[in-house]
């Protein structure tokens, strides 16, 4: 590259230092290219223009795949230009081909850390320490800095749920699905979003009298409404292992009760717990056995 280039050339001698170690503090965008590649030559000046515009918020690096075939093979380069973004030592995003400037700008905007990131980290620590109100106040500051940041929205919802404000949390989460978002982008942590939505949906029964509901739910024959009220109250209290058999009993007694609400509520709890949960695996099997008997 020329002496005025904003890109750093890397190879085997400095890749770990410039890319892997460098990505611990900011994103490193690596452009895998070759001198004979016309799209590579078209992409390079646009990348440099954006590197100048973003003024050091990411590092721009170029790797000549003709000179460094081992590194190209290590990172699965099959076509060039291939651009990979490293952060914290790992590839976190990538694209192949020469994107137009607008698409490149959107891509780079997506991979740059939000200005709200330090506040999100502080709020996460407060929430872990049991200070949900303090976490929410910090996340409100973060929201003012970056109202479209996914981590801010999810964190606020978690703090609101911890404070028992389930309807407000549900409304906050709905912002991620709003087509009018300032920056339309897919949700990265879809699993966390699904779990938080499920917790918000289950929160309507928070604070109910469990002992009275348990007595009503124990009556025979099965009273679907009573069992549902008890299961919802248990789920709102985080007692998922006790809620699931009540819901399964509804499905077993009357699959059509309230538009199959027993099964639907079980699926909501599965979302909260996540697919790796032993409890989810167990009750998926039991639910399937009841439905298919």
Protein backbone atom coordinates (compact mmCIF):
# COMPACT_ATOMS: atom_id res chain seq x y z
CA UNK A 1 0.00 0.00 0.00
CA UNK A 2 1.06 3.59 -0.52
CA UNK A 3 2.55 5.67 2.24
CA UNK A 4 -0.70 7.59 2.64
CA UNK A 5 -2.84 4.49 3.07
CA UNK A 6 -4.98 4.11 6.18
CA UNK A 7 -4.78 0.31 5.92
CA UNK A 8 -2.08 -1.78 7.59
CA UNK A 9 -0.62 -4.68 5.59
CA UNK A 10 -0.44 -7.91 7.58
CA UNK A 11 1.04 -11.37 7.09
CA UNK A 12 2.27 -14.28 9.14
CA UNK A 13 4.85 -12.09 10.89
CA UNK A 14 2.34 -9.66 12.43
CA UNK A 15 -1.19 -11.10 12.03
CA UNK A 16 -1.54 -12.19 15.66
CA UNK A 17 -0.25 -8.87 16.96
CA UNK A 18 -2.21 -6.56 14.67
CA UNK A 19 -5.43 -8.52 14.22
CA UNK A 20 -5.89 -10.92 17.15
CA UNK A 21 -4.37 -8.77 19.90
CA UNK A 22 -5.57 -5.54 18.29
CA UNK A 23 -9.15 -6.75 18.27
CA UNK A 24 -9.17 -6.89 22.06
CA UNK A 25 -9.64 -3.12 22.17
CA UNK A 26 -11.54 -2.29 18.96
CA UNK A 27 -12.94 -4.09 15.88
CA UNK A 28 -10.35 -5.00 13.25
CA UNK A 29 -11.65 -5.21 9.68
CA UNK A 30 -9.45 -7.49 7.54
CA UNK A 31 -9.69 -7.15 3.77
CA UNK A 32 -8.48 -10.39 2.13
CA UNK A 33 -7.45 -9.34 -1.41
CA UNK A 34 -5.06 -9.97 -4.30
CA UNK A 35 -3.46 -7.57 -6.82
CA UNK A 36 -5.12 -9.21 -9.86
CA UNK A 37 -8.65 -8.87 -8.37
CA UNK A 38 -10.58 -5.96 -9.95
CA UNK A 39 -13.40 -5.95 -7.33
CA UNK A 40 -10.69 -5.80 -4.66
CA UNK A 41 -9.27 -2.66 -6.24
CA UNK A 42 -12.76 -1.14 -6.35
CA UNK A 43 -13.48 -1.96 -2.70
CA UNK A 44 -10.20 -0.73 -1.19
CA UNK A 45 -10.66 3.05 -1.61
CA UNK A 46 -14.20 2.90 -0.21
CA UNK A 47 -12.98 1.03 2.86
CA UNK A 48 -10.24 3.60 3.36
CA UNK A 49 -12.70 6.46 2.98
CA UNK A 50 -14.89 4.97 5.71
CA UNK A 51 -11.89 4.24 7.93
CA UNK A 52 -11.04 7.95 7.76
CA UNK A 53 -14.66 8.94 8.39
CA UNK A 54 -14.97 6.72 11.46
CA UNK A 55 -11.68 8.16 12.77
CA UNK A 56 -10.11 5.16 14.45
CA UNK A 57 -13.22 3.45 15.78
CA UNK A 58 -12.10 0.38 13.83
CA UNK A 59 -8.75 -0.72 12.40
CA UNK A 60 -8.48 -1.43 8.68
CA UNK A 61 -6.09 -4.22 7.71
CA UNK A 62 -5.24 -5.77 4.33
CA UNK A 63 -3.97 -9.29 3.69
CA UNK A 64 -2.65 -10.31 0.26
CA UNK A 65 -3.95 -13.87 -0.24
CA UNK A 66 -1.38 -14.58 -2.99
CA UNK A 67 1.43 -13.89 -0.52
CA UNK A 68 -0.27 -15.46 2.49
CA UNK A 69 -2.11 -18.61 1.29
CA UNK A 70 -1.82 -20.29 4.70
CA UNK A 71 -3.71 -17.48 6.45
CA UNK A 72 -6.26 -17.42 3.63
CA UNK A 73 -6.82 -21.16 4.10
CA UNK A 74 -7.02 -20.82 7.88
CA UNK A 75 -9.92 -18.39 7.56
CA UNK A 76 -11.72 -20.26 4.77
CA UNK A 77 -11.21 -17.72 1.99
CA UNK A 78 -12.78 -19.10 -1.19
CA UNK A 79 -13.47 -15.88 -3.07
CA UNK A 80 -12.14 -12.34 -2.88
CA UNK A 81 -12.56 -9.69 -1.80
CA UNK A 82 -13.51 -11.28 1.49
CA UNK A 83 -13.84 -8.98 4.49
CA UNK A 84 -13.90 -10.35 8.02
CA UNK A 85 -14.36 -8.41 11.24
CA UNK A 86 -12.41 -9.56 14.29
CA UNK A 87 -13.39 -8.57 17.81
CA UNK A 88 -11.98 -9.99 21.02
CA UNK A 89 -9.85 -12.36 18.98
CA UNK A 90 -12.70 -13.91 16.98
CA UNK A 91 -14.46 -13.37 13.64
CA UNK A 92 -17.79 -11.73 14.49
CA UNK A 93 -19.06 -10.69 11.04
CA UNK A 94 -18.05 -10.90 7.38
CA UNK A 95 -19.04 -10.45 3.75
CA UNK A 96 -17.70 -11.49 0.35
CA UNK A 97 -17.64 -9.28 -2.75
CA UNK A 98 -17.42 -5.55 -3.36
CA UNK A 99 -20.39 -3.95 -1.60
CA UNK A 100 -21.58 -0.45 -2.58
CA UNK A 101 -20.70 2.38 -0.19
CA UNK A 102 -24.16 2.56 1.40
CA UNK A 103 -24.15 -1.16 2.23
CA UNK A 104 -20.58 -0.87 3.56
CA UNK A 105 -21.56 2.04 5.77
CA UNK A 106 -24.46 0.03 7.22
CA UNK A 107 -22.19 -2.98 7.75
CA UNK A 108 -19.56 -0.95 9.59
CA UNK A 109 -22.18 0.84 11.66
CA UNK A 110 -23.49 -2.55 12.73
CA UNK A 111 -20.16 -3.90 13.93
CA UNK A 112 -18.94 -0.83 15.82
CA UNK A 113 -19.44 -0.81 19.59
CA UNK A 114 -22.30 1.40 20.68
CA UNK A 115 -21.44 4.57 22.62
CA UNK A 116 -23.83 3.17 25.22
CA UNK A 117 -21.70 0.03 25.78
CA UNK A 118 -20.00 1.21 29.03
CA UNK A 119 -23.38 2.08 30.54
CA UNK A 120 -24.78 -1.32 29.54
CA UNK A 121 -21.85 -3.01 31.28
CA UNK A 122 -22.40 -0.94 34.43
CA UNK A 123 -26.14 -1.70 34.40
CA UNK A 124 -25.49 -5.42 33.96
CA UNK A 125 -23.30 -5.40 37.06
CA UNK A 126 -25.95 -3.53 39.04
CA UNK A 127 -28.66 -5.97 37.99
CA UNK A 128 -26.46 -8.94 38.96
CA UNK A 129 -26.00 -7.31 42.37
CA UNK A 130 -29.76 -7.03 42.83
CA UNK A 131 -30.05 -3.31 42.15
CA UNK A 132 -32.73 -3.41 39.43
CA UNK A 133 -33.78 0.20 39.99
CA UNK A 134 -30.20 1.44 39.63
CA UNK A 135 -29.73 -0.72 36.54
CA UNK A 136 -32.86 0.73 34.96
CA UNK A 137 -31.74 4.30 35.65
CA UNK A 138 -28.38 3.59 34.01
CA UNK A 139 -30.05 1.95 31.02
CA UNK A 140 -32.34 4.94 30.61
CA UNK A 141 -29.17 7.03 30.21
CA UNK A 142 -27.89 4.49 27.69
CA UNK A 143 -31.16 4.64 25.77
CA UNK A 144 -30.76 8.39 25.36
CA UNK A 145 -27.31 7.81 23.84
CA UNK A 146 -28.36 5.01 21.48
CA UNK A 147 -32.13 4.37 21.34
CA UNK A 148 -31.72 1.61 18.74
CA UNK A 149 -29.07 -0.45 20.53
CA UNK A 150 -30.24 -4.04 21.05
CA UNK A 151 -28.26 -4.57 24.26
CA UNK A 152 -29.82 -1.46 25.79
CA UNK A 153 -33.37 -2.53 24.89
CA UNK A 154 -32.89 -6.08 26.16
CA UNK A 155 -31.19 -4.88 29.33
CA UNK A 156 -33.98 -2.41 30.10
CA UNK A 157 -36.56 -5.14 29.64
CA UNK A 158 -34.67 -7.38 32.05
CA UNK A 159 -34.50 -4.62 34.65
CA UNK A 160 -38.20 -3.86 34.21
CA UNK A 161 -39.06 -7.53 34.69
CA UNK A 162 -36.98 -7.64 37.87
CA UNK A 163 -39.03 -4.69 39.11
CA UNK A 164 -42.32 -6.44 38.28
CA UNK A 165 -43.19 -4.04 35.46
CA UNK A 166 -44.12 -6.75 32.99
CA UNK A 167 -46.34 -4.74 30.64
CA UNK A 168 -43.73 -2.01 30.30
CA UNK A 169 -41.09 -4.65 29.60
CA UNK A 170 -43.26 -6.20 26.88
CA UNK A 171 -43.70 -2.79 25.25
CA UNK A 172 -39.92 -2.18 25.38
CA UNK A 173 -39.24 -5.53 23.71
CA UNK A 174 -41.78 -4.80 20.99
CA UNK A 175 -39.48 -1.97 19.86
CA UNK A 176 -37.06 -4.54 18.46
CA UNK A 177 -39.76 -5.84 16.10
CA UNK A 178 -40.98 -2.38 15.10
CA UNK A 179 -40.44 -1.82 11.34
CA UNK A 180 -40.08 1.89 12.09
CA UNK A 181 -36.80 1.34 13.96
CA UNK A 182 -34.25 3.99 13.05
CA UNK A 183 -31.84 1.27 11.90
CA UNK A 184 -33.55 -1.85 10.59
CA UNK A 185 -31.43 -4.88 11.44
CA UNK A 186 -32.01 -8.48 12.49
CA UNK A 187 -32.00 -9.25 16.20
CA UNK A 188 -28.67 -10.81 17.11
CA UNK A 189 -29.63 -12.38 20.44
CA UNK A 190 -32.94 -13.91 19.34
CA UNK A 191 -32.83 -16.48 22.13
CA UNK A 192 -32.57 -13.84 24.86
CA UNK A 193 -35.34 -11.83 23.21
CA UNK A 194 -37.65 -14.87 23.13
CA UNK A 195 -36.92 -15.64 26.78
CA UNK A 196 -37.61 -12.07 27.90
CA UNK A 197 -40.83 -11.91 25.88
CA UNK A 198 -41.95 -15.15 27.49
CA UNK A 199 -41.16 -13.85 30.98
CA UNK A 200 -43.11 -10.67 30.23
CA UNK A 201 -46.07 -12.71 28.97
CA UNK A 202 -46.09 -14.84 32.12
CA UNK A 203 -45.87 -11.87 34.47
CA UNK A 204 -49.59 -11.06 34.49
CA UNK A 205 -50.13 -13.47 37.41
CA UNK A 206 -47.34 -12.15 39.61
CA UNK A 207 -48.24 -11.77 43.28
CA UNK A 208 -51.19 -14.16 43.27
CA UNK A 209 -52.10 -16.22 46.37
CA UNK A 210 -50.46 -19.55 45.53
CA UNK A 211 -52.03 -21.54 48.36
CA UNK A 212 -55.59 -20.63 47.37
CA UNK A 213 -54.87 -21.30 43.70
CA UNK A 214 -53.25 -24.65 44.55
CA UNK A 215 -56.34 -25.79 46.40
CA UNK A 216 -58.59 -24.90 43.46
CA UNK A 217 -56.23 -26.56 40.98
CA UNK A 218 -56.24 -29.82 42.96
CA UNK A 219 -59.97 -30.38 42.55
CA UNK A 220 -61.27 -33.32 40.51
CA UNK A 221 -62.30 -33.57 37.78
CA UNK A 222 -59.64 -31.34 36.24
CA UNK A 223 -60.68 -27.69 36.22
CA UNK A 224 -58.73 -26.21 33.32
CA UNK A 225 -59.24 -22.60 34.37
CA UNK A 226 -58.12 -23.28 37.95
CA UNK A 227 -55.05 -25.21 36.84
CA UNK A 228 -54.16 -22.48 34.36
CA UNK A 229 -54.42 -19.77 37.00
CA UNK A 230 -52.21 -21.78 39.35
CA UNK A 231 -49.67 -22.60 36.63
CA UNK A 232 -49.50 -18.96 35.56
CA UNK A 233 -48.90 -17.84 39.14
CA UNK A 234 -46.17 -20.44 39.57
CA UNK A 235 -44.51 -19.41 36.32
CA UNK A 236 -44.67 -15.73 37.27
CA UNK A 237 -42.82 -16.67 40.47
CA UNK A 238 -40.19 -18.58 38.48
CA UNK A 239 -41.50 -21.98 39.67
CA UNK A 240 -41.38 -23.52 36.22
CA UNK A 241 -40.83 -27.09 37.39
CA UNK A 242 -44.07 -26.91 39.37
CA UNK A 243 -45.98 -25.08 36.64
CA UNK A 244 -45.27 -27.51 33.81
CA UNK A 245 -47.09 -30.57 35.24
CA UNK A 246 -50.18 -28.42 35.87
CA UNK A 247 -50.17 -27.32 32.23
CA UNK A 248 -49.54 -30.86 31.03
CA UNK A 249 -52.57 -31.99 33.02
CA UNK A 250 -54.70 -29.45 31.15
CA UNK A 251 -53.49 -30.81 27.80
CA UNK A 252 -54.16 -34.39 28.93
CA UNK A 253 -57.66 -33.60 30.20
CA UNK A 254 -58.84 -31.30 27.40
CA UNK A 255 -56.51 -30.48 24.54
CA UNK A 256 -58.95 -27.93 23.14
CA UNK A 257 -59.41 -25.99 26.39
CA UNK A 258 -59.12 -22.25 25.71
CA UNK A 259 -57.64 -22.80 22.24
CA UNK A 260 -54.99 -25.29 23.45
CA UNK A 261 -53.72 -22.87 26.09
CA UNK A 262 -52.03 -25.61 28.12
CA UNK A 263 -49.66 -26.52 25.28
CA UNK A 264 -49.13 -22.88 24.28
CA UNK A 265 -48.20 -21.89 27.83
CA UNK A 266 -45.77 -24.82 28.04
CA UNK A 267 -44.07 -23.57 24.89
CA UNK A 268 -43.78 -20.11 26.45
CA UNK A 269 -42.01 -21.61 29.47
CA UNK A 270 -39.74 -23.57 27.12
CA UNK A 271 -38.73 -20.23 25.58
CA UNK A 272 -37.84 -18.89 29.02
CA UNK A 273 -35.74 -21.92 29.93
CA UNK A 274 -34.04 -22.43 26.55
CA UNK A 275 -33.60 -25.56 24.50
CA UNK A 276 -30.58 -26.78 26.50
CA UNK A 277 -32.61 -27.19 29.68
CA UNK A 278 -33.06 -30.73 31.00
CA UNK A 279 -36.51 -29.69 32.19
CA UNK A 280 -37.48 -28.60 28.67
CA UNK A 281 -36.21 -31.84 27.14
CA UNK A 282 -38.18 -33.86 29.70
CA UNK A 283 -41.43 -31.99 29.23
CA UNK A 284 -41.13 -31.90 25.44
CA UNK A 285 -41.10 -35.70 25.57
CA UNK A 286 -44.02 -35.82 28.00
CA UNK A 287 -46.03 -33.32 25.96
CA UNK A 288 -45.42 -35.31 22.77
CA UNK A 289 -46.50 -38.50 24.50
CA UNK A 290 -49.76 -36.92 25.68
CA UNK A 291 -50.56 -35.40 22.29
CA UNK A 292 -49.74 -38.56 20.33
CA UNK A 293 -51.35 -41.14 22.61
